[in-house]
Amino acid sequence: MQRLDFLRYSALGGGALSASGPLPRSAHFADRPGLCRSALTPLLLVAALLAGCSSEPEGTSLEQLRQQTHIHGLAFDRADSERILLATHHGFHVVGGDGLARQVSNETHDFMGFTPHPQDAETLFSSGHPARGGNLGVLVSSDGGRNWEQRASGADGPVDFHQLTISEADPDVLYGVYAGRLQVSRDGGQGWRVQAPVPDGLIGLAASSRDPEHLYAATKGGLLMSPNGGERWRQLHPERRPVSLVVADGEALYAFMLGVGLIRADEATRQWEVVNGDWGERYLTHLAVAPDDPARLVAADDQGRLLLSTNGGQDWSPL
């Protein structure tokens, strides 16, 4: 949205009304001051209102943002995939088409676990810590991240989910991790119960896009899969290397395995292939797939830099 510096309106007989300075004398109706006040006052109010609505917060460069905070979760905005949603240590931000980040919520929470609703662009879920300390429980935003409210405290809460995921197969099913235990909600985040202990060395969690009972886990000891909501786990990839992320989106699974790189599989077959192995010592910490273009990916690396791919992860460029 472009910022409008000047607002001008035709005012009774061709004079110009400006929100940025005084009216030209020709528009003052000096011979009829009563008419001037009654006619122009509503227009001045409208101009002031529009001037306020047309402005938006000053943007922050991504390099500045990287120096100020770190990213705990990201997603494409389902309503506008040119916008990228960022849950950070210091509030909730949106990166616009101009490449600048803007804090869209007045809340300065430490947003930890973060997951967008897979169908409703305005609904987002998160958890973490308020700036004053303590735990937030399960938060929900119904307006794209501008306002947040607690939907539930969680089991033995208020919880602080560092991993939080929603099932694309059934959006009423969410999973979160708190105090070493996996919790599940089957009513859209209202009620929660403890399901099971989590795998050792858990880093990331992703609910299946095909079956709400299937879960994927990125761990320090490899990539795991559960067929029954986290009650039992098995190895999903033969390499038992640390995995920094796992994402289930549509028909695809993505994971980043240290020493191997970015890998991908069709969820139906789970046959893995290396998409890009040229990372050196770097690794990815978060990844999202555009809802309107499965070849378009956004990711954050271990240095907090945002990267964009337009060919399914084969090539990357700084955002």
Protein backbone atom coordinates (compact mmCIF):
# COMPACT_ATOMS: atom_id res chain seq x y z
CA MET A 1 0.00 0.00 0.00
CA GLN A 2 1.49 3.31 -1.05
CA ARG A 3 1.66 6.03 1.51
CA LEU A 4 -0.30 9.11 0.44
CA ASP A 5 1.50 12.31 1.41
CA PHE A 6 -1.22 14.67 0.18
CA LEU A 7 -5.00 14.44 0.04
CA ARG A 8 -6.86 16.88 -2.14
CA TYR A 9 -10.56 17.28 -2.76
CA SER A 10 -12.65 19.61 -4.91
CA ALA A 11 -14.53 21.84 -2.54
CA LEU A 12 -17.58 23.83 -3.45
CA GLY A 13 -16.83 25.76 -6.58
CA GLY A 14 -13.46 24.29 -7.50
CA GLY A 15 -11.28 25.23 -4.54
CA ALA A 16 -8.78 22.61 -3.35
CA LEU A 17 -8.84 21.06 0.13
CA SER A 18 -5.39 19.90 1.27
CA ALA A 19 -4.53 17.77 4.28
CA SER A 20 -0.95 19.06 4.10
CA GLY A 21 -1.46 22.82 4.31
CA PRO A 22 -3.87 25.77 4.44
CA LEU A 23 -6.67 26.19 1.93
CA PRO A 24 -6.12 28.57 -0.96
CA ARG A 25 -7.78 31.92 -0.33
CA SER A 26 -10.20 31.29 -3.22
CA ALA A 27 -11.70 28.45 -1.25
CA HIS A 28 -12.26 30.42 1.96
CA PHE A 29 -15.62 31.92 0.91
CA ALA A 30 -14.69 35.12 2.77
CA ASP A 31 -17.95 36.69 1.77
CA ARG A 32 -19.96 33.87 3.38
CA PRO A 33 -18.09 32.71 6.53
CA GLY A 34 -21.03 30.75 7.88
CA LEU A 35 -21.25 28.66 4.74
CA CYS A 36 -17.50 28.19 4.81
CA ARG A 37 -17.52 26.68 8.29
CA SER A 38 -20.56 24.46 7.74
CA ALA A 39 -19.42 23.17 4.36
CA LEU A 40 -15.72 22.66 5.01
CA THR A 41 -15.74 21.23 8.53
CA PRO A 42 -17.06 17.78 7.45
CA LEU A 43 -14.57 17.71 4.57
CA LEU A 44 -11.69 18.54 6.89
CA LEU A 45 -12.73 15.71 9.19
CA VAL A 46 -12.89 13.27 6.27
CA ALA A 47 -9.49 14.43 5.03
CA ALA A 48 -7.93 13.95 8.46
CA LEU A 49 -9.50 10.50 8.79
CA LEU A 50 -8.27 9.39 5.38
CA ALA A 51 -4.81 10.75 6.06
CA GLY A 52 -4.62 8.61 9.19
CA CYS A 53 -5.96 5.51 7.45
CA SER A 54 -3.65 5.84 4.48
CA SER A 55 -0.45 5.76 6.49
CA GLU A 56 1.18 2.60 7.79
CA PRO A 57 4.11 1.99 10.14
CA GLU A 58 7.56 2.74 8.86
CA GLY A 59 9.15 -0.42 7.56
CA THR A 60 12.27 -2.06 8.96
CA SER A 61 14.84 -3.63 6.68
CA LEU A 62 15.25 -7.37 7.09
CA GLU A 63 18.87 -6.84 8.08
CA GLN A 64 17.77 -4.45 10.84
CA LEU A 65 15.17 -6.94 11.98
CA ARG A 66 17.77 -9.71 12.02
CA GLN A 67 19.96 -7.61 14.31
CA GLN A 68 17.08 -6.81 16.65
CA THR A 69 15.36 -10.17 17.11
CA HIS A 70 15.17 -13.74 15.87
CA ILE A 71 12.49 -15.69 14.03
CA HIS A 72 10.51 -18.48 15.70
CA GLY A 73 8.08 -19.20 12.85
CA LEU A 74 7.07 -18.04 9.40
CA ALA A 75 4.33 -18.52 6.82
CA PHE A 76 3.00 -17.06 3.62
CA ASP A 77 -0.13 -14.97 4.03
CA ARG A 78 -2.86 -17.09 2.45
CA ALA A 79 -4.76 -13.95 1.42
CA ASP A 80 -1.73 -12.39 -0.29
CA SER A 81 1.29 -14.60 -0.88
CA GLU A 82 3.48 -11.53 -1.49
CA ARG A 83 3.28 -11.03 2.27
CA ILE A 84 5.25 -13.20 4.70
CA LEU A 85 4.21 -13.60 8.33
CA LEU A 86 6.93 -13.70 10.98
CA ALA A 87 6.52 -14.79 14.60
CA THR A 88 9.54 -13.37 16.42
CA HIS A 89 11.09 -13.00 19.84
CA HIS A 90 9.82 -9.41 19.87
CA GLY A 91 6.34 -9.40 18.38
CA PHE A 92 4.52 -10.37 15.21
CA HIS A 93 5.69 -8.89 11.92
CA VAL A 94 4.70 -8.95 8.25
CA VAL A 95 7.15 -8.59 5.37
CA GLY A 96 5.47 -6.77 2.49
CA GLY A 97 6.10 -6.73 -1.22
CA ASP A 98 8.56 -3.87 -0.67
CA GLY A 99 10.83 -6.19 1.31
CA LEU A 100 10.34 -4.29 4.57
CA ALA A 101 9.08 -5.75 7.84
CA ARG A 102 6.35 -4.06 9.85
CA GLN A 103 5.07 -4.99 13.30
CA VAL A 104 1.35 -5.47 12.82
CA SER A 105 0.41 -6.16 16.44
CA ASN A 106 0.90 -3.91 19.43
CA GLU A 107 1.73 -7.02 21.43
CA THR A 108 5.46 -7.46 22.03
CA HIS A 109 5.12 -11.10 23.05
CA ASP A 110 7.84 -13.64 22.46
CA PHE A 111 5.85 -15.67 19.91
CA MET A 112 7.30 -19.18 20.07
CA GLY A 113 5.20 -21.96 18.51
CA PHE A 114 3.36 -20.59 15.48
CA THR A 115 1.06 -22.15 12.88
CA PRO A 116 -1.44 -20.61 10.44
CA HIS A 117 -4.85 -22.09 9.81
CA PRO A 118 -4.62 -24.10 6.56
CA GLN A 119 -7.89 -22.71 5.17
CA ASP A 120 -8.80 -19.44 6.90
CA ALA A 121 -6.23 -16.75 6.04
CA GLU A 122 -7.21 -14.58 9.01
CA THR A 123 -6.82 -17.28 11.69
CA LEU A 124 -3.41 -17.86 13.25
CA PHE A 125 -2.31 -19.84 16.31
CA SER A 126 0.67 -19.20 18.55
CA SER A 127 2.08 -19.62 22.04
CA GLY A 128 5.06 -18.32 24.00
CA HIS A 129 5.81 -15.69 26.62
CA PRO A 130 4.46 -12.20 27.31
CA ALA A 131 7.07 -9.44 27.54
CA ARG A 132 6.50 -9.24 31.31
CA GLY A 133 7.26 -12.96 31.79
CA GLY A 134 5.22 -16.12 32.34
CA ASN A 135 3.45 -18.23 29.71
CA LEU A 136 0.79 -17.23 27.20
CA GLY A 137 -1.12 -20.48 26.83
CA VAL A 138 -2.65 -21.01 23.38
CA LEU A 139 -3.23 -17.76 21.49
CA VAL A 140 -5.41 -17.19 18.45
CA SER A 141 -5.69 -14.23 16.10
CA SER A 142 -8.80 -13.86 13.96
CA ASP A 143 -7.58 -10.82 12.02
CA GLY A 144 -4.29 -11.88 10.48
CA GLY A 145 -2.11 -11.20 13.51
CA ARG A 146 -3.19 -7.70 14.52
CA ASN A 147 -4.94 -8.82 17.70
CA TRP A 148 -4.40 -11.92 19.84
CA GLU A 149 -6.38 -13.52 22.64
CA GLN A 150 -5.94 -16.62 24.73
CA ARG A 151 -8.08 -19.47 23.43
CA ALA A 152 -6.97 -21.96 26.06
CA SER A 153 -4.53 -22.43 28.89
CA GLY A 154 -3.57 -25.93 27.69
CA ALA A 155 -3.15 -29.02 29.85
CA ASP A 156 -1.29 -28.20 33.08
CA GLY A 157 -0.97 -24.65 31.76
CA PRO A 158 -0.68 -21.95 30.95
CA VAL A 159 1.52 -23.67 28.42
CA ASP A 160 4.42 -22.36 26.39
CA PHE A 161 4.37 -24.43 23.20
CA HIS A 162 7.72 -24.18 21.44
CA GLN A 163 6.42 -26.56 18.77
CA LEU A 164 2.87 -26.08 17.50
CA THR A 165 1.29 -27.57 14.38
CA ILE A 166 -2.18 -27.86 12.85
CA SER A 167 -3.48 -30.66 10.63
CA GLU A 168 -4.29 -29.69 7.07
CA ALA A 169 -6.36 -32.88 6.87
CA ASP A 170 -8.51 -31.76 9.83
CA PRO A 171 -7.92 -28.18 11.05
CA ASP A 172 -9.68 -28.94 14.32
CA VAL A 173 -6.66 -31.06 15.27
CA LEU A 174 -3.62 -29.28 16.71
CA TYR A 175 -0.52 -30.60 18.45
CA GLY A 176 1.77 -28.72 20.83
CA VAL A 177 4.78 -29.55 22.98
CA TYR A 178 5.23 -28.34 26.54
CA ALA A 179 7.50 -29.59 29.33
CA GLY A 180 8.63 -32.60 27.29
CA ARG A 181 5.12 -33.86 26.61
CA LEU A 182 2.99 -33.83 23.47
CA GLN A 183 -0.49 -32.33 23.83
CA VAL A 184 -3.38 -32.63 21.37
CA SER A 185 -6.56 -30.64 20.78
CA ARG A 186 -9.39 -31.99 18.65
CA ASP A 187 -11.73 -29.00 18.89
CA GLY A 188 -9.77 -26.18 17.27
CA GLY A 189 -7.57 -25.41 20.27
CA GLN A 190 -10.25 -25.11 22.96
CA GLY A 191 -9.50 -28.26 24.94
CA TRP A 192 -6.12 -29.99 25.33
CA ARG A 193 -4.92 -33.26 26.79
CA VAL A 194 -1.50 -34.85 27.21
CA GLN A 195 -0.93 -37.49 24.57
CA ALA A 196 2.56 -38.89 25.23
CA PRO A 197 6.19 -38.00 25.95
CA VAL A 198 7.98 -36.45 22.97
CA PRO A 199 10.93 -38.10 21.20
CA ASP A 200 14.38 -37.31 22.59
CA GLY A 201 16.04 -34.26 21.08
CA LEU A 202 12.87 -32.89 19.49
CA ILE A 203 13.46 -29.79 17.32
CA GLY A 204 10.44 -29.48 15.02
CA LEU A 205 6.97 -30.98 14.59
CA ALA A 206 4.62 -31.18 11.60
CA ALA A 207 1.12 -32.65 11.32
CA SER A 208 0.41 -34.63 8.18
CA SER A 209 -1.57 -33.09 5.32
CA ARG A 210 -3.22 -36.47 4.65
CA ASP A 211 -4.14 -37.91 8.04
CA PRO A 212 -4.63 -35.99 11.30
CA GLU A 213 -3.18 -38.92 13.26
CA HIS A 214 0.12 -38.84 11.38
CA LEU A 215 2.93 -36.70 12.77
CA TYR A 216 6.49 -35.95 11.67
CA ALA A 217 9.31 -34.97 14.03
CA ALA A 218 12.66 -33.33 13.36
CA THR A 219 15.07 -34.49 16.07
CA LYS A 220 18.75 -34.45 16.88
CA GLY A 221 18.81 -38.16 16.07
CA GLY A 222 17.00 -38.11 12.73
CA LEU A 223 13.63 -37.76 11.05
CA LEU A 224 10.74 -39.61 12.71
CA MET A 225 7.12 -40.42 11.90
CA SER A 226 4.22 -41.37 14.15
CA PRO A 227 1.14 -43.17 12.75
CA ASN A 228 -0.96 -42.68 15.89
CA GLY A 229 -0.79 -39.10 17.06
CA GLY A 230 2.59 -39.31 18.74
CA GLU A 231 2.11 -42.41 20.86
CA ARG A 232 4.67 -44.40 18.87
CA TRP A 233 7.52 -43.23 16.60
CA ARG A 234 9.67 -44.84 13.92
CA GLN A 235 12.62 -43.74 11.81
CA LEU A 236 11.53 -42.19 8.50
CA HIS A 237 14.92 -41.62 6.85
CA PRO A 238 17.92 -44.00 6.93
CA GLU A 239 20.37 -41.24 7.90
CA ARG A 240 20.36 -40.62 11.65
CA ARG A 241 21.66 -37.08 11.42
CA PRO A 242 20.26 -33.99 13.14
CA VAL A 243 17.19 -32.57 11.39
CA SER A 244 16.50 -28.86 11.91
CA LEU A 245 12.99 -28.67 10.43
CA VAL A 246 10.17 -30.70 8.93
CA VAL A 247 7.19 -29.35 6.98
CA ALA A 248 4.14 -31.12 5.57
CA ASP A 249 2.34 -29.09 2.93
CA GLY A 250 -0.13 -30.41 0.39
CA GLU A 251 1.34 -33.56 -1.10
CA ALA A 252 4.93 -32.71 -0.15
CA LEU A 253 7.20 -33.24 2.83
CA TYR A 254 10.29 -31.10 3.32
CA ALA A 255 13.07 -31.50 5.87
CA PHE A 256 16.53 -30.11 6.40
CA MET A 257 19.13 -32.66 7.46
CA LEU A 258 22.52 -31.41 8.58
CA GLY A 259 25.27 -32.77 6.37
CA VAL A 260 22.75 -33.72 3.67
CA GLY A 261 20.79 -30.54 2.94
CA LEU A 262 17.21 -29.80 1.99
CA ILE A 263 15.32 -33.00 1.19
CA ARG A 264 11.85 -33.60 -0.19
CA ALA A 265 9.40 -36.48 -0.56
CA ASP A 266 5.84 -37.04 -1.69
CA GLU A 267 3.94 -37.75 1.48
CA ALA A 268 2.17 -40.68 -0.15
CA THR A 269 5.44 -42.54 -0.84
CA ARG A 270 7.92 -40.90 1.56
CA GLN A 271 10.72 -41.56 -0.91
CA TRP A 272 13.31 -38.88 -0.17
CA GLU A 273 15.47 -36.95 -2.62
CA VAL A 274 18.03 -34.20 -2.03
CA VAL A 275 16.72 -30.92 -3.41
CA ASN A 276 19.76 -28.80 -2.51
CA GLY A 277 22.84 -30.05 -0.70
CA ASP A 278 25.04 -26.99 -1.12
CA TRP A 279 24.78 -25.36 2.30
CA GLY A 280 28.22 -25.76 3.82
CA GLU A 281 28.00 -25.10 7.55
CA ARG A 282 24.66 -23.30 7.22
CA TYR A 283 21.27 -24.87 7.83
CA LEU A 284 17.61 -23.86 7.61
CA THR A 285 15.51 -23.39 10.73
CA HIS A 286 12.07 -22.61 9.24
CA LEU A 287 10.41 -23.17 5.86
CA ALA A 288 7.01 -22.46 4.31
CA VAL A 289 5.38 -23.21 0.96
CA ALA A 290 3.27 -20.63 -0.88
CA PRO A 291 -0.41 -21.66 -0.91
CA ASP A 292 -0.88 -20.62 -4.55
CA ASP A 293 2.45 -21.88 -5.94
CA PRO A 294 4.09 -25.04 -4.51
CA ALA A 295 7.38 -24.16 -6.23
CA ARG A 296 7.70 -20.94 -4.21
CA LEU A 297 9.31 -21.40 -0.81
CA VAL A 298 10.49 -19.06 1.90
CA ALA A 299 12.95 -20.07 4.61
CA ALA A 300 15.00 -18.70 7.47
CA ASP A 301 18.55 -19.88 8.03
CA ASP A 302 20.54 -20.29 11.24
CA GLN A 303 21.76 -16.69 10.97
CA GLY A 304 18.21 -15.33 10.80
CA ARG A 305 18.39 -14.47 7.10
CA LEU A 306 15.27 -14.88 4.99
CA LEU A 307 15.65 -16.71 1.68
CA LEU A 308 13.30 -17.22 -1.26
CA SER A 309 13.12 -20.02 -3.84
CA THR A 310 10.93 -20.05 -6.93
CA ASN A 311 11.84 -23.54 -8.13
CA GLY A 312 10.94 -25.79 -5.24
CA GLY A 313 14.10 -25.24 -3.21
CA GLN A 314 16.74 -25.93 -5.85
CA ASP A 315 18.00 -22.34 -5.87
CA TRP A 316 17.75 -19.65 -3.23
CA SER A 317 18.24 -15.90 -3.11
CA PRO A 318 18.11 -13.43 -0.20
CA LEU A 319 14.67 -11.94 0.31
